[in-house]
Amino acid sequence: MAGKKPNPVDAHVGSRVRLRRMLLGMSQERLGESMGLTFQQVQKYEKGVNRIGASRLFQISKILDVPVQFFFEEAPHVGGDGGTVARGMAEPDSEAFILEFLNSREGLELNRAFVKIADPKVRKSVVDLVRALSVSNGSA
């Protein structure tokens, strides 16, 4: 059974745990200690390799100070066979790319630094700079 892919919902829930943990500036080690686990177990939860049981998810929600439903927001739609269900002609969720961005170390650091900029003109200049850099790299 080598190479078995995680269930999409398990992977999504894990990514939401990671997102919230990172937004709080909490390490995997600290979260694990709060739960009586190793950071490796937290890593497996965050990757969706290991499923998070209901009582454990409830415990995580209390530690990370979010309601349990937070972990299921924007979850993929799963069919009876466990596979994801296509959503027809629907536009892809713009929030999926935002979550992916915030799940990266760079995205989180950029977001934290950006919100500390008080001057709206400076914020606009930063956005213009990033936009110009993306165009010059051909990825606009």
N, C-alpha and C. Protein backbone atom coordinates (compact mmCIF):
# COMPACT_ATOMS: atom_id res chain seq x y z
N MET A 1 0.82 -1.19 0.00
CA MET A 1 0.00 0.00 0.00
C MET A 1 0.86 1.25 0.00
N ALA A 2 2.10 1.14 -0.44
CA ALA A 2 2.98 2.30 -0.50
C ALA A 2 2.43 3.29 -1.52
N GLY A 3 2.55 4.56 -1.22
CA GLY A 3 2.12 5.60 -2.13
C GLY A 3 0.64 5.93 -2.05
N LYS A 4 -0.06 5.43 -1.06
CA LYS A 4 -1.47 5.73 -0.92
C LYS A 4 -1.64 7.23 -0.63
N LYS A 5 -2.50 7.87 -1.42
CA LYS A 5 -2.71 9.30 -1.25
C LYS A 5 -3.68 9.57 -0.11
N PRO A 6 -3.43 10.66 0.65
CA PRO A 6 -4.36 11.01 1.74
C PRO A 6 -5.74 11.38 1.19
N ASN A 7 -6.75 11.12 1.97
CA ASN A 7 -8.10 11.54 1.63
C ASN A 7 -8.10 13.05 1.49
N PRO A 8 -8.74 13.62 0.46
CA PRO A 8 -8.73 15.07 0.25
C PRO A 8 -9.26 15.87 1.45
N VAL A 9 -10.25 15.34 2.14
CA VAL A 9 -10.79 16.05 3.30
C VAL A 9 -9.78 16.03 4.45
N ASP A 10 -9.13 14.88 4.66
CA ASP A 10 -8.10 14.80 5.70
C ASP A 10 -6.97 15.78 5.42
N ALA A 11 -6.56 15.85 4.16
CA ALA A 11 -5.49 16.78 3.76
C ALA A 11 -5.93 18.23 3.98
N HIS A 12 -7.19 18.52 3.66
CA HIS A 12 -7.71 19.88 3.83
C HIS A 12 -7.77 20.26 5.30
N VAL A 13 -8.30 19.37 6.13
CA VAL A 13 -8.38 19.64 7.57
C VAL A 13 -6.98 19.87 8.11
N GLY A 14 -6.03 19.03 7.72
CA GLY A 14 -4.65 19.19 8.17
C GLY A 14 -4.05 20.52 7.74
N SER A 15 -4.35 20.93 6.51
CA SER A 15 -3.81 22.22 6.03
C SER A 15 -4.41 23.39 6.80
N ARG A 16 -5.67 23.24 7.22
CA ARG A 16 -6.30 24.30 8.02
C ARG A 16 -5.70 24.35 9.43
N VAL A 17 -5.34 23.18 9.99
CA VAL A 17 -4.65 23.15 11.28
C VAL A 17 -3.33 23.90 11.13
N ARG A 18 -2.60 23.58 10.07
CA ARG A 18 -1.30 24.23 9.83
C ARG A 18 -1.47 25.75 9.66
N LEU A 19 -2.47 26.15 8.87
CA LEU A 19 -2.71 27.57 8.64
C LEU A 19 -2.96 28.30 9.95
N ARG A 20 -3.85 27.78 10.76
CA ARG A 20 -4.18 28.45 12.02
C ARG A 20 -2.98 28.47 12.97
N ARG A 21 -2.26 27.34 13.03
CA ARG A 21 -1.08 27.27 13.89
C ARG A 21 -0.05 28.32 13.48
N MET A 22 0.17 28.44 12.17
CA MET A 22 1.14 29.41 11.67
C MET A 22 0.67 30.84 11.90
N LEU A 23 -0.63 31.09 11.72
CA LEU A 23 -1.15 32.43 11.97
C LEU A 23 -0.95 32.85 13.43
N LEU A 24 -0.96 31.87 14.32
CA LEU A 24 -0.74 32.16 15.74
C LEU A 24 0.75 32.21 16.08
N GLY A 25 1.60 31.85 15.11
CA GLY A 25 3.04 31.82 15.38
C GLY A 25 3.44 30.67 16.28
N MET A 26 2.68 29.60 16.25
CA MET A 26 2.93 28.44 17.12
C MET A 26 3.71 27.38 16.33
N SER A 27 4.69 26.78 16.97
CA SER A 27 5.46 25.71 16.33
C SER A 27 4.70 24.39 16.40
N GLN A 28 5.09 23.46 15.54
CA GLN A 28 4.51 22.12 15.60
C GLN A 28 4.84 21.47 16.94
N GLU A 29 6.04 21.75 17.42
CA GLU A 29 6.46 21.18 18.70
C GLU A 29 5.56 21.66 19.85
N ARG A 30 5.28 22.96 19.85
CA ARG A 30 4.44 23.52 20.92
C ARG A 30 3.01 22.98 20.85
N LEU A 31 2.47 22.87 19.64
CA LEU A 31 1.13 22.30 19.49
C LEU A 31 1.14 20.85 19.96
N GLY A 32 2.15 20.10 19.57
CA GLY A 32 2.26 18.71 19.99
C GLY A 32 2.34 18.58 21.49
N GLU A 33 3.15 19.42 22.13
CA GLU A 33 3.27 19.38 23.60
C GLU A 33 1.92 19.66 24.26
N SER A 34 1.17 20.60 23.71
CA SER A 34 -0.14 20.93 24.27
C SER A 34 -1.11 19.76 24.18
N MET A 35 -0.85 18.86 23.23
CA MET A 35 -1.74 17.72 23.00
C MET A 35 -1.15 16.42 23.53
N GLY A 36 0.08 16.46 24.03
CA GLY A 36 0.73 15.23 24.48
C GLY A 36 1.22 14.38 23.32
N LEU A 37 1.62 15.03 22.22
CA LEU A 37 2.09 14.34 21.02
C LEU A 37 3.47 14.85 20.63
N THR A 38 4.11 14.15 19.70
CA THR A 38 5.37 14.62 19.15
C THR A 38 5.07 15.57 17.99
N PHE A 39 6.07 16.37 17.63
CA PHE A 39 5.86 17.26 16.48
C PHE A 39 5.70 16.45 15.20
N GLN A 40 6.28 15.24 15.17
CA GLN A 40 6.13 14.39 13.98
C GLN A 40 4.67 13.98 13.77
N GLN A 41 3.97 13.72 14.87
CA GLN A 41 2.55 13.37 14.75
C GLN A 41 1.75 14.57 14.24
N VAL A 42 2.07 15.76 14.75
CA VAL A 42 1.41 16.98 14.27
C VAL A 42 1.68 17.14 12.78
N GLN A 43 2.92 16.88 12.36
CA GLN A 43 3.28 16.96 10.95
C GLN A 43 2.41 16.02 10.11
N LYS A 44 2.22 14.80 10.58
CA LYS A 44 1.40 13.84 9.85
C LYS A 44 -0.05 14.29 9.78
N TYR A 45 -0.56 14.87 10.85
CA TYR A 45 -1.92 15.42 10.82
C TYR A 45 -2.01 16.54 9.78
N GLU A 46 -1.04 17.43 9.79
CA GLU A 46 -1.09 18.59 8.90
C GLU A 46 -0.98 18.20 7.43
N LYS A 47 -0.30 17.11 7.14
CA LYS A 47 -0.17 16.64 5.76
C LYS A 47 -1.35 15.76 5.34
N GLY A 48 -2.19 15.38 6.30
CA GLY A 48 -3.33 14.53 6.00
C GLY A 48 -2.97 13.06 5.92
N VAL A 49 -1.72 12.72 6.25
CA VAL A 49 -1.28 11.33 6.24
C VAL A 49 -2.02 10.55 7.30
N ASN A 50 -2.14 11.13 8.49
CA ASN A 50 -2.93 10.52 9.58
C ASN A 50 -4.20 11.33 9.77
N ARG A 51 -5.30 10.62 9.90
CA ARG A 51 -6.58 11.28 10.14
C ARG A 51 -6.64 11.81 11.56
N ILE A 52 -7.36 12.90 11.73
CA ILE A 52 -7.55 13.48 13.05
C ILE A 52 -8.92 13.04 13.55
N GLY A 53 -8.95 12.32 14.64
CA GLY A 53 -10.21 11.86 15.22
C GLY A 53 -11.01 13.03 15.77
N ALA A 54 -12.29 12.81 16.00
CA ALA A 54 -13.20 13.86 16.46
C ALA A 54 -12.75 14.49 17.77
N SER A 55 -12.40 13.67 18.75
CA SER A 55 -12.01 14.24 20.05
C SER A 55 -10.69 15.01 19.94
N ARG A 56 -9.79 14.52 19.09
CA ARG A 56 -8.51 15.20 18.88
C ARG A 56 -8.74 16.53 18.14
N LEU A 57 -9.64 16.53 17.17
CA LEU A 57 -9.93 17.77 16.44
C LEU A 57 -10.56 18.80 17.38
N PHE A 58 -11.42 18.32 18.27
CA PHE A 58 -12.04 19.21 19.26
C PHE A 58 -10.95 19.82 20.15
N GLN A 59 -9.99 18.99 20.58
CA GLN A 59 -8.87 19.46 21.40
C GLN A 59 -8.04 20.50 20.64
N ILE A 60 -7.76 20.25 19.38
CA ILE A 60 -6.99 21.19 18.55
C ILE A 60 -7.75 22.50 18.41
N SER A 61 -9.07 22.42 18.23
CA SER A 61 -9.86 23.66 18.07
C SER A 61 -9.78 24.52 19.32
N LYS A 62 -9.74 23.89 20.49
CA LYS A 62 -9.62 24.65 21.74
C LYS A 62 -8.22 25.27 21.87
N ILE A 63 -7.19 24.51 21.54
CA ILE A 63 -5.82 25.02 21.64
C ILE A 63 -5.59 26.17 20.66
N LEU A 64 -6.13 26.03 19.44
CA LEU A 64 -5.92 27.05 18.41
C LEU A 64 -7.00 28.13 18.43
N ASP A 65 -7.94 28.01 19.37
CA ASP A 65 -8.98 29.02 19.60
C ASP A 65 -9.82 29.33 18.36
N VAL A 66 -10.30 28.26 17.73
CA VAL A 66 -11.23 28.39 16.59
C VAL A 66 -12.32 27.34 16.75
N PRO A 67 -13.50 27.58 16.17
CA PRO A 67 -14.54 26.54 16.22
C PRO A 67 -14.14 25.36 15.32
N VAL A 68 -14.64 24.19 15.62
CA VAL A 68 -14.31 22.99 14.84
C VAL A 68 -14.61 23.20 13.35
N GLN A 69 -15.70 23.89 13.05
CA GLN A 69 -16.07 24.06 11.64
C GLN A 69 -15.03 24.84 10.83
N PHE A 70 -14.15 25.59 11.52
CA PHE A 70 -13.07 26.31 10.83
C PHE A 70 -12.25 25.34 9.97
N PHE A 71 -12.03 24.13 10.46
CA PHE A 71 -11.18 23.18 9.76
C PHE A 71 -11.82 22.61 8.50
N PHE A 72 -13.14 22.79 8.37
CA PHE A 72 -13.85 22.25 7.21
C PHE A 72 -14.25 23.33 6.20
N GLU A 73 -13.98 24.59 6.51
CA GLU A 73 -14.33 25.66 5.58
C GLU A 73 -13.58 25.46 4.27
N GLU A 74 -14.30 25.58 3.16
CA GLU A 74 -13.75 25.40 1.82
C GLU A 74 -13.24 23.98 1.56
N ALA A 75 -13.73 23.01 2.32
CA ALA A 75 -13.31 21.62 2.12
C ALA A 75 -13.76 21.13 0.75
N PRO A 76 -12.97 20.23 0.15
CA PRO A 76 -13.38 19.68 -1.15
C PRO A 76 -14.65 18.85 -0.99
N HIS A 77 -15.44 18.81 -2.03
CA HIS A 77 -16.65 17.99 -2.02
C HIS A 77 -16.24 16.56 -2.33
N VAL A 78 -16.65 15.63 -1.49
CA VAL A 78 -16.24 14.24 -1.65
C VAL A 78 -17.46 13.37 -1.92
N GLY A 79 -17.32 12.48 -2.91
CA GLY A 79 -18.39 11.58 -3.27
C GLY A 79 -18.40 10.35 -2.38
N GLY A 80 -19.34 9.46 -2.61
CA GLY A 80 -19.49 8.25 -1.82
C GLY A 80 -18.29 7.31 -1.90
N ASP A 81 -17.55 7.38 -3.01
CA ASP A 81 -16.38 6.52 -3.16
C ASP A 81 -15.12 7.12 -2.56
N GLY A 82 -15.25 8.30 -1.93
CA GLY A 82 -14.10 8.95 -1.32
C GLY A 82 -13.37 9.89 -2.24
N GLY A 83 -13.71 9.87 -3.53
CA GLY A 83 -13.06 10.77 -4.49
C GLY A 83 -13.74 12.13 -4.50
N THR A 84 -13.01 13.14 -4.97
CA THR A 84 -13.61 14.46 -5.02
C THR A 84 -14.61 14.53 -6.17
N VAL A 85 -15.64 15.30 -5.97
CA VAL A 85 -16.70 15.46 -6.95
C VAL A 85 -16.44 16.73 -7.75
N ALA A 86 -16.47 16.62 -9.06
CA ALA A 86 -16.31 17.79 -9.91
C ALA A 86 -17.49 18.72 -9.72
N ARG A 87 -17.22 20.01 -9.77
CA ARG A 87 -18.29 20.97 -9.53
C ARG A 87 -18.77 21.60 -10.82
N GLY A 88 -18.75 20.84 -11.90
CA GLY A 88 -19.30 21.29 -13.16
C GLY A 88 -18.55 22.49 -13.70
N MET A 89 -19.30 23.50 -14.10
CA MET A 89 -18.72 24.68 -14.72
C MET A 89 -18.37 25.75 -13.69
N ALA A 90 -18.40 25.42 -12.43
CA ALA A 90 -18.12 26.40 -11.38
C ALA A 90 -16.69 26.90 -11.47
N GLU A 91 -16.51 28.16 -11.14
CA GLU A 91 -15.18 28.75 -11.09
C GLU A 91 -14.40 28.11 -9.95
N PRO A 92 -13.09 27.94 -10.12
CA PRO A 92 -12.31 27.42 -9.00
C PRO A 92 -12.34 28.41 -7.85
N ASP A 93 -12.33 27.91 -6.64
CA ASP A 93 -12.39 28.78 -5.47
C ASP A 93 -11.16 29.67 -5.41
N SER A 94 -11.38 30.99 -5.37
CA SER A 94 -10.26 31.90 -5.24
C SER A 94 -9.63 31.75 -3.86
N GLU A 95 -10.42 31.28 -2.91
CA GLU A 95 -9.89 31.11 -1.56
C GLU A 95 -8.88 29.97 -1.49
N ALA A 96 -8.95 29.02 -2.41
CA ALA A 96 -8.00 27.91 -2.41
C ALA A 96 -6.59 28.43 -2.63
N PHE A 97 -6.44 29.36 -3.57
CA PHE A 97 -5.11 29.88 -3.82
C PHE A 97 -4.65 30.78 -2.67
N ILE A 98 -5.57 31.45 -2.01
CA ILE A 98 -5.21 32.27 -0.84
C ILE A 98 -4.72 31.38 0.28
N LEU A 99 -5.41 30.28 0.52
CA LEU A 99 -4.98 29.34 1.56
C LEU A 99 -3.62 28.75 1.24
N GLU A 100 -3.41 28.41 -0.02
CA GLU A 100 -2.11 27.88 -0.43
C GLU A 100 -1.01 28.90 -0.19
N PHE A 101 -1.29 30.15 -0.52
CA PHE A 101 -0.33 31.23 -0.30
C PHE A 101 -0.03 31.41 1.20
N LEU A 102 -1.08 31.45 2.01
CA LEU A 102 -0.89 31.64 3.45
C LEU A 102 -0.28 30.43 4.13
N ASN A 103 -0.37 29.28 3.49
CA ASN A 103 0.25 28.08 4.04
C ASN A 103 1.75 28.04 3.78
N SER A 104 2.23 28.95 2.92
CA SER A 104 3.67 29.01 2.67
C SER A 104 4.31 29.96 3.68
N ARG A 105 5.54 29.68 4.02
CA ARG A 105 6.29 30.51 4.96
C ARG A 105 6.38 31.95 4.42
N GLU A 106 6.70 32.09 3.13
CA GLU A 106 6.84 33.43 2.54
C GLU A 106 5.53 34.18 2.55
N GLY A 107 4.44 33.50 2.22
CA GLY A 107 3.14 34.14 2.20
C GLY A 107 2.74 34.65 3.57
N LEU A 108 2.98 33.84 4.58
CA LEU A 108 2.65 34.23 5.94
C LEU A 108 3.51 35.41 6.39
N GLU A 109 4.81 35.37 6.10
CA GLU A 109 5.70 36.47 6.49
C GLU A 109 5.32 37.76 5.76
N LEU A 110 5.03 37.64 4.47
CA LEU A 110 4.63 38.81 3.69
C LEU A 110 3.34 39.41 4.22
N ASN A 111 2.39 38.56 4.55
CA ASN A 111 1.11 39.03 5.08
C ASN A 111 1.30 39.75 6.42
N ARG A 112 2.09 39.14 7.31
CA ARG A 112 2.33 39.76 8.62
C ARG A 112 2.99 41.12 8.49
N ALA A 113 3.99 41.21 7.62
CA ALA A 113 4.71 42.47 7.44
C ALA A 113 3.80 43.51 6.78
N PHE A 114 3.02 43.09 5.78
CA PHE A 114 2.18 44.02 5.04
C PHE A 114 1.13 44.69 5.92
N VAL A 115 0.49 43.91 6.80
CA VAL A 115 -0.56 44.49 7.64
C VAL A 115 0.00 45.47 8.67
N LYS A 116 1.31 45.45 8.90
CA LYS A 116 1.92 46.39 9.83
C LYS A 116 2.20 47.75 9.19
N ILE A 117 2.06 47.84 7.87
CA ILE A 117 2.28 49.11 7.18
C ILE A 117 1.03 49.97 7.35
N ALA A 118 1.19 51.08 8.06
CA ALA A 118 0.03 51.93 8.38
C ALA A 118 -0.35 52.87 7.23
N ASP A 119 0.61 53.35 6.50
CA ASP A 119 0.36 54.34 5.45
C ASP A 119 -0.22 53.68 4.20
N PRO A 120 -1.45 54.06 3.81
CA PRO A 120 -2.09 53.47 2.63
C PRO A 120 -1.29 53.67 1.35
N LYS A 121 -0.60 54.79 1.25
CA LYS A 121 0.20 55.06 0.04
C LYS A 121 1.38 54.09 -0.05
N VAL A 122 1.98 53.81 1.08
CA VAL A 122 3.10 52.86 1.10
C VAL A 122 2.59 51.46 0.77
N ARG A 123 1.43 51.10 1.32
CA ARG A 123 0.85 49.79 1.01
C ARG A 123 0.59 49.65 -0.48
N LYS A 124 0.04 50.71 -1.09
CA LYS A 124 -0.22 50.68 -2.54
C LYS A 124 1.09 50.54 -3.30
N SER A 125 2.12 51.24 -2.84
CA SER A 125 3.43 51.15 -3.50
C SER A 125 3.99 49.73 -3.43
N VAL A 126 3.79 49.06 -2.30
CA VAL A 126 4.26 47.68 -2.15
C VAL A 126 3.51 46.78 -3.14
N VAL A 127 2.21 46.94 -3.23
CA VAL A 127 1.42 46.14 -4.17
C VAL A 127 1.88 46.41 -5.60
N ASP A 128 2.09 47.69 -5.94
CA ASP A 128 2.57 48.04 -7.28
C ASP A 128 3.93 47.41 -7.57
N LEU A 129 4.81 47.41 -6.56
CA LEU A 129 6.15 46.82 -6.72
C LEU A 129 6.04 45.32 -6.98
N VAL A 130 5.24 44.63 -6.19
CA VAL A 130 5.09 43.18 -6.36
C VAL A 130 4.48 42.89 -7.73
N ARG A 131 3.49 43.66 -8.12
CA ARG A 131 2.86 43.47 -9.43
C ARG A 131 3.89 43.67 -10.54
N ALA A 132 4.71 44.72 -10.44
CA ALA A 132 5.73 44.99 -11.45
C ALA A 132 6.77 43.86 -11.51
N LEU A 133 7.16 43.35 -10.36
CA LEU A 133 8.12 42.25 -10.32
C LEU A 133 7.55 40.99 -10.95
N SER A 134 6.26 40.75 -10.72
CA SER A 134 5.65 39.54 -11.31
C SER A 134 5.55 39.65 -12.81
N VAL A 135 5.31 40.87 -13.34
CA VAL A 135 5.22 41.08 -14.77
C VAL A 135 6.61 40.90 -15.40
N SER A 136 7.63 41.43 -14.74
CA SER A 136 8.99 41.32 -15.30
C SER A 136 9.48 39.87 -15.32
N ASN A 137 8.90 39.03 -14.46
CA ASN A 137 9.26 37.60 -14.47
C ASN A 137 8.34 36.78 -15.36
N GLY A 138 7.41 37.45 -16.03
CA GLY A 138 6.51 36.76 -16.95
C GLY A 138 5.48 35.89 -16.28
N SER A 139 5.13 36.21 -15.03
CA SER A 139 4.14 35.37 -14.32
C SER A 139 2.92 36.18 -13.90
N ALA A 140 2.56 37.16 -14.69
CA ALA A 140 1.38 37.98 -14.35
C ALA A 140 0.11 37.33 -14.79
